[in-house]
Amino acid sequence: MPAINVNPTRQELTRLKTRLRTSIRGHKLLKDKRDELMKQFMDVVRENRALRKRVEEGLMRAHGSFTVASALMSTEMLEQALLYPKQSVELDMTFQNIMSVNVPVYHFKTKSDDAGEIYPYGFAGELDGAVEALSGVLQDMLRLAEIEKTSQLLAEEIEKTRRRVNALEYVKIPQMEEAIQYITMKLDENERANTIRLMKVKDMLLKEAIEEKREADERAIEAFGGRTGAPEET
């Protein structure tokens, strides 16, 4: 018996064959999608590794500059210098479709294009270097956040696609093939049984016809013999 309950009819056989063809085609498309997603994911991972290294280096430089600035300046002066920022940033988010996965794309724009607008104070030595380092690493940090989210979404889609591919390859398609084989065997058995029944009916009809012909011949012989054996009248 197959793993799924089916009626051994020709209509069910046709339906299962159609579903099997569709499943095989879908399995191939899902495998192609999974392979392409893996390729995209590996590219994102490589970019993520390089970008993370660059961001960490930039943050380390900024942290070092802030450490020197905090050693040279009092806490009150440091807080006062950074209290009122002159520059602002607007962040917009759109989406990019990668193999039916919508991944975020971040766009940021500063209020002013003047690079000097990032300093909300006068000349402060090491603090300038720290602020400039942070300003330089901002774009990389946004790109890193974008890449991190993209890799997460791609990994989730790869896992879902992998489960679907395995379900079709190891469960659905074998079950349908087994059901098709079962229905085919049942239909063949029914056809052979019908053929045997037809042959038996044909033999019975042939025997009846022979018996009827034999009886008819016997009656004809008796009738003919009765006529030939009667005495002649004078």
Protein backbone atom coordinates (compact mmCIF):
# COMPACT_ATOMS: atom_id res chain seq x y z
CA MET A 1 0.00 0.00 0.00
CA PRO A 2 1.24 3.53 -0.75
CA ALA A 3 1.91 6.03 2.02
CA ILE A 4 -1.03 8.17 0.86
CA ASN A 5 -4.62 7.00 0.40
CA VAL A 6 -5.62 6.97 -3.26
CA ASN A 7 -8.45 5.53 -5.30
CA PRO A 8 -7.09 3.13 -7.96
CA THR A 9 -8.88 4.79 -10.87
CA ARG A 10 -7.66 6.14 -14.18
CA GLN A 11 -8.83 9.63 -13.27
CA GLU A 12 -6.75 9.53 -10.08
CA LEU A 13 -3.80 8.18 -12.05
CA THR A 14 -4.01 11.08 -14.52
CA ARG A 15 -4.25 13.59 -11.67
CA LEU A 16 -1.24 12.12 -9.88
CA LYS A 17 0.86 12.09 -13.06
CA THR A 18 0.05 15.78 -13.60
CA ARG A 19 0.99 16.58 -10.00
CA LEU A 20 4.20 14.59 -10.34
CA ARG A 21 5.27 16.50 -13.45
CA THR A 22 4.51 19.80 -11.70
CA SER A 23 6.41 18.71 -8.57
CA ILE A 24 9.47 17.64 -10.58
CA ARG A 25 9.50 20.97 -12.41
CA GLY A 26 9.03 22.87 -9.13
CA HIS A 27 11.82 20.82 -7.52
CA LYS A 28 14.23 21.83 -10.27
CA LEU A 29 13.27 25.50 -9.99
CA LEU A 30 13.66 25.44 -6.21
CA LYS A 31 17.09 23.80 -6.51
CA ASP A 32 18.17 26.49 -8.97
CA LYS A 33 16.83 29.15 -6.60
CA ARG A 34 18.66 27.58 -3.65
CA ASP A 35 21.95 27.47 -5.58
CA GLU A 36 21.61 31.09 -6.68
CA LEU A 37 20.72 32.16 -3.14
CA MET A 38 23.82 30.38 -1.86
CA LYS A 39 25.95 32.22 -4.42
CA GLN A 40 24.44 35.58 -3.42
CA PHE A 41 24.83 34.69 0.27
CA MET A 42 28.52 33.86 -0.12
CA ASP A 43 29.14 37.17 -1.91
CA VAL A 44 27.37 39.01 0.92
CA VAL A 45 29.38 37.10 3.55
CA ARG A 46 32.67 38.01 1.88
CA GLU A 47 31.66 41.67 1.71
CA ASN A 48 30.46 41.52 5.30
CA ARG A 49 33.82 40.15 6.48
CA ALA A 50 35.82 42.87 4.72
CA LEU A 51 33.43 45.64 5.78
CA ARG A 52 33.36 44.53 9.41
CA LYS A 53 37.14 44.58 9.53
CA ARG A 54 37.20 48.12 8.09
CA VAL A 55 34.53 49.35 10.53
CA GLU A 56 36.30 47.82 13.52
CA GLU A 57 39.55 49.47 12.49
CA GLY A 58 37.81 52.85 12.08
CA LEU A 59 36.10 52.54 15.46
CA MET A 60 39.39 51.61 17.09
CA ARG A 61 41.01 54.75 15.63
CA ALA A 62 38.08 56.89 16.80
CA HIS A 63 38.19 55.31 20.24
CA GLY A 64 41.90 55.94 20.47
CA SER A 65 41.44 59.60 19.51
CA PHE A 66 38.63 60.02 22.04
CA THR A 67 40.80 58.44 24.72
CA VAL A 68 43.62 60.90 24.02
CA ALA A 69 41.14 63.81 23.86
CA SER A 70 39.55 62.82 27.17
CA ALA A 71 43.03 62.66 28.72
CA LEU A 72 43.92 66.16 27.45
CA MET A 73 40.53 67.78 28.09
CA SER A 74 38.37 67.88 31.17
CA THR A 75 35.09 66.02 31.18
CA GLU A 76 33.13 69.29 31.26
CA MET A 77 35.00 70.68 28.23
CA LEU A 78 34.50 67.43 26.33
CA GLU A 79 30.78 67.33 27.04
CA GLN A 80 30.37 71.02 26.20
CA ALA A 81 32.23 70.61 22.91
CA LEU A 82 29.93 67.78 21.83
CA LEU A 83 26.71 69.10 23.34
CA TYR A 84 25.28 70.96 20.32
CA PRO A 85 25.90 69.18 16.98
CA LYS A 86 25.90 71.33 13.87
CA GLN A 87 25.41 68.51 11.37
CA SER A 88 22.38 66.25 11.00
CA VAL A 89 21.79 63.15 8.95
CA GLU A 90 18.65 61.97 7.18
CA LEU A 91 18.30 58.22 6.69
CA ASP A 92 16.00 56.64 4.11
CA MET A 93 15.37 52.95 3.52
CA THR A 94 14.29 51.24 0.33
CA PHE A 95 14.16 47.57 -0.63
CA GLN A 96 15.98 45.51 -3.24
CA ASN A 97 14.62 42.21 -4.48
CA ILE A 98 17.16 39.36 -4.51
CA MET A 99 15.60 36.09 -5.65
CA SER A 100 12.17 37.07 -4.23
CA VAL A 101 13.78 38.28 -0.97
CA ASN A 102 13.29 41.97 -0.15
CA VAL A 103 16.49 43.19 1.48
CA PRO A 104 16.92 46.72 2.89
CA VAL A 105 19.02 49.41 1.24
CA TYR A 106 19.96 52.41 3.40
CA HIS A 107 20.53 55.89 2.00
CA PHE A 108 21.75 58.76 4.17
CA LYS A 109 22.22 62.41 3.40
CA THR A 110 23.83 65.08 5.55
CA LYS A 111 22.19 68.44 6.06
CA SER A 112 25.25 70.20 4.69
CA ASP A 113 27.79 69.03 2.14
CA ASP A 114 30.56 70.97 3.85
CA ALA A 115 32.93 68.49 5.54
CA GLY A 116 33.82 71.09 8.17
CA GLU A 117 30.25 71.20 9.44
CA ILE A 118 30.82 68.06 11.50
CA TYR A 119 32.68 70.05 14.19
CA PRO A 120 30.26 71.79 16.61
CA TYR A 121 33.10 73.72 18.32
CA GLY A 122 36.36 75.48 17.67
CA PHE A 123 39.72 73.83 17.23
CA ALA A 124 40.09 71.06 19.82
CA GLY A 125 43.09 69.02 18.70
CA GLU A 126 42.66 65.28 19.25
CA LEU A 127 38.87 65.64 19.51
CA ASP A 128 38.81 66.76 15.87
CA GLY A 129 40.49 63.52 14.84
CA ALA A 130 38.00 61.44 16.83
CA VAL A 131 34.98 63.22 15.32
CA GLU A 132 36.44 62.97 11.83
CA ALA A 133 37.13 59.25 12.30
CA LEU A 134 33.55 58.64 13.42
CA SER A 135 32.21 60.67 10.53
CA GLY A 136 34.30 58.65 8.10
CA VAL A 137 33.14 55.32 9.50
CA LEU A 138 29.42 56.24 9.51
CA GLN A 139 28.80 55.23 5.90
CA ASP A 140 30.60 51.93 6.40
CA MET A 141 28.55 51.27 9.55
CA LEU A 142 25.30 51.83 7.65
CA ARG A 143 26.47 49.57 4.85
CA LEU A 144 27.48 46.95 7.43
CA ALA A 145 24.01 47.10 8.99
CA GLU A 146 22.51 46.67 5.53
CA ILE A 147 24.77 43.70 4.77
CA GLU A 148 24.08 42.08 8.15
CA LYS A 149 20.31 42.25 7.60
CA THR A 150 20.68 41.03 4.03
CA SER A 151 22.71 38.01 5.10
CA GLN A 152 20.14 37.19 7.80
CA LEU A 153 17.22 37.37 5.36
CA LEU A 154 19.08 35.34 2.73
CA ALA A 155 20.01 32.69 5.30
CA GLU A 156 16.35 32.36 6.35
CA GLU A 157 15.22 32.08 2.72
CA ILE A 158 17.92 29.50 1.97
CA GLU A 159 16.74 27.40 4.91
CA LYS A 160 13.09 27.60 3.81
CA THR A 161 14.03 26.72 0.23
CA ARG A 162 16.21 23.84 1.40
CA ARG A 163 13.33 22.41 3.44
CA ARG A 164 11.00 22.65 0.44
CA VAL A 165 13.54 20.98 -1.85
CA ASN A 166 14.05 18.13 0.64
CA ALA A 167 10.30 17.73 1.18
CA LEU A 168 9.74 17.37 -2.55
CA GLU A 169 12.79 15.20 -3.19
CA TYR A 170 12.48 12.80 -0.27
CA VAL A 171 8.75 12.84 0.61
CA LYS A 172 6.29 14.20 -1.92
CA ILE A 173 7.78 12.92 -5.18
CA PRO A 174 8.50 9.38 -3.84
CA GLN A 175 4.98 9.19 -2.39
CA MET A 176 3.41 10.17 -5.70
CA GLU A 177 5.63 7.75 -7.63
CA GLU A 178 4.66 4.98 -5.21
CA ALA A 179 0.95 5.86 -5.54
CA ILE A 180 1.23 5.90 -9.35
CA GLN A 181 2.92 2.50 -9.31
CA TYR A 182 0.22 1.14 -6.97
CA ILE A 183 -2.64 2.45 -9.15
CA THR A 184 -0.96 1.14 -12.31
CA MET A 185 -0.60 -2.31 -10.75
CA LYS A 186 -4.22 -2.27 -9.59
CA LEU A 187 -5.46 -1.21 -13.01
CA ASP A 188 -3.35 -3.91 -14.66
CA GLU A 189 -4.76 -6.50 -12.24
CA ASN A 190 -8.30 -5.34 -12.96
CA GLU A 191 -7.63 -5.45 -16.69
CA ARG A 192 -6.24 -8.97 -16.45
CA ALA A 193 -9.21 -10.03 -14.30
CA ASN A 194 -11.61 -8.54 -16.83
CA THR A 195 -9.76 -10.28 -19.64
CA ILE A 196 -10.00 -13.61 -17.80
CA ARG A 197 -13.71 -13.06 -17.14
CA LEU A 198 -14.31 -12.21 -20.78
CA MET A 199 -12.44 -15.32 -21.87
CA LYS A 200 -14.52 -17.44 -19.48
CA VAL A 201 -17.74 -15.86 -20.71
CA LYS A 202 -16.61 -16.45 -24.28
CA ASP A 203 -15.86 -20.09 -23.49
CA MET A 204 -19.25 -20.47 -21.81
CA LEU A 205 -21.01 -18.91 -24.75
CA LEU A 206 -19.03 -21.10 -27.14
CA LYS A 207 -19.91 -24.22 -25.14
CA GLU A 208 -23.57 -23.22 -25.07
CA ALA A 209 -23.50 -22.61 -28.79
CA ILE A 210 -21.86 -26.00 -29.38
CA GLU A 211 -24.35 -27.69 -27.05
CA GLU A 212 -27.29 -26.01 -28.76
CA LYS A 213 -25.95 -27.02 -32.18
CA ARG A 214 -25.44 -30.58 -31.00
CA GLU A 215 -28.98 -30.75 -29.62
CA ALA A 216 -30.33 -29.24 -32.80
CA ASP A 217 -28.42 -31.81 -34.86
CA GLU A 218 -29.77 -34.64 -32.70
CA ARG A 219 -33.32 -33.41 -33.09
CA ALA A 220 -32.85 -33.11 -36.82
CA ILE A 221 -31.46 -36.65 -37.03
CA GLU A 222 -34.33 -38.02 -34.95
CA ALA A 223 -36.86 -36.23 -37.09
CA PHE A 224 -35.23 -37.45 -40.28
CA GLY A 225 -34.96 -41.01 -38.93
CA GLY A 226 -38.63 -41.05 -37.91
CA ARG A 227 -39.69 -40.08 -41.38
CA THR A 228 -37.53 -42.71 -43.10
CA GLY A 229 -38.58 -45.54 -40.71
CA ALA A 230 -42.42 -45.24 -41.12
CA PRO A 231 -44.24 -48.12 -43.06
CA GLU A 232 -45.48 -47.36 -46.53
CA GLU A 233 -49.24 -47.43 -47.11
CA THR A 234 -50.64 -49.62 -49.94
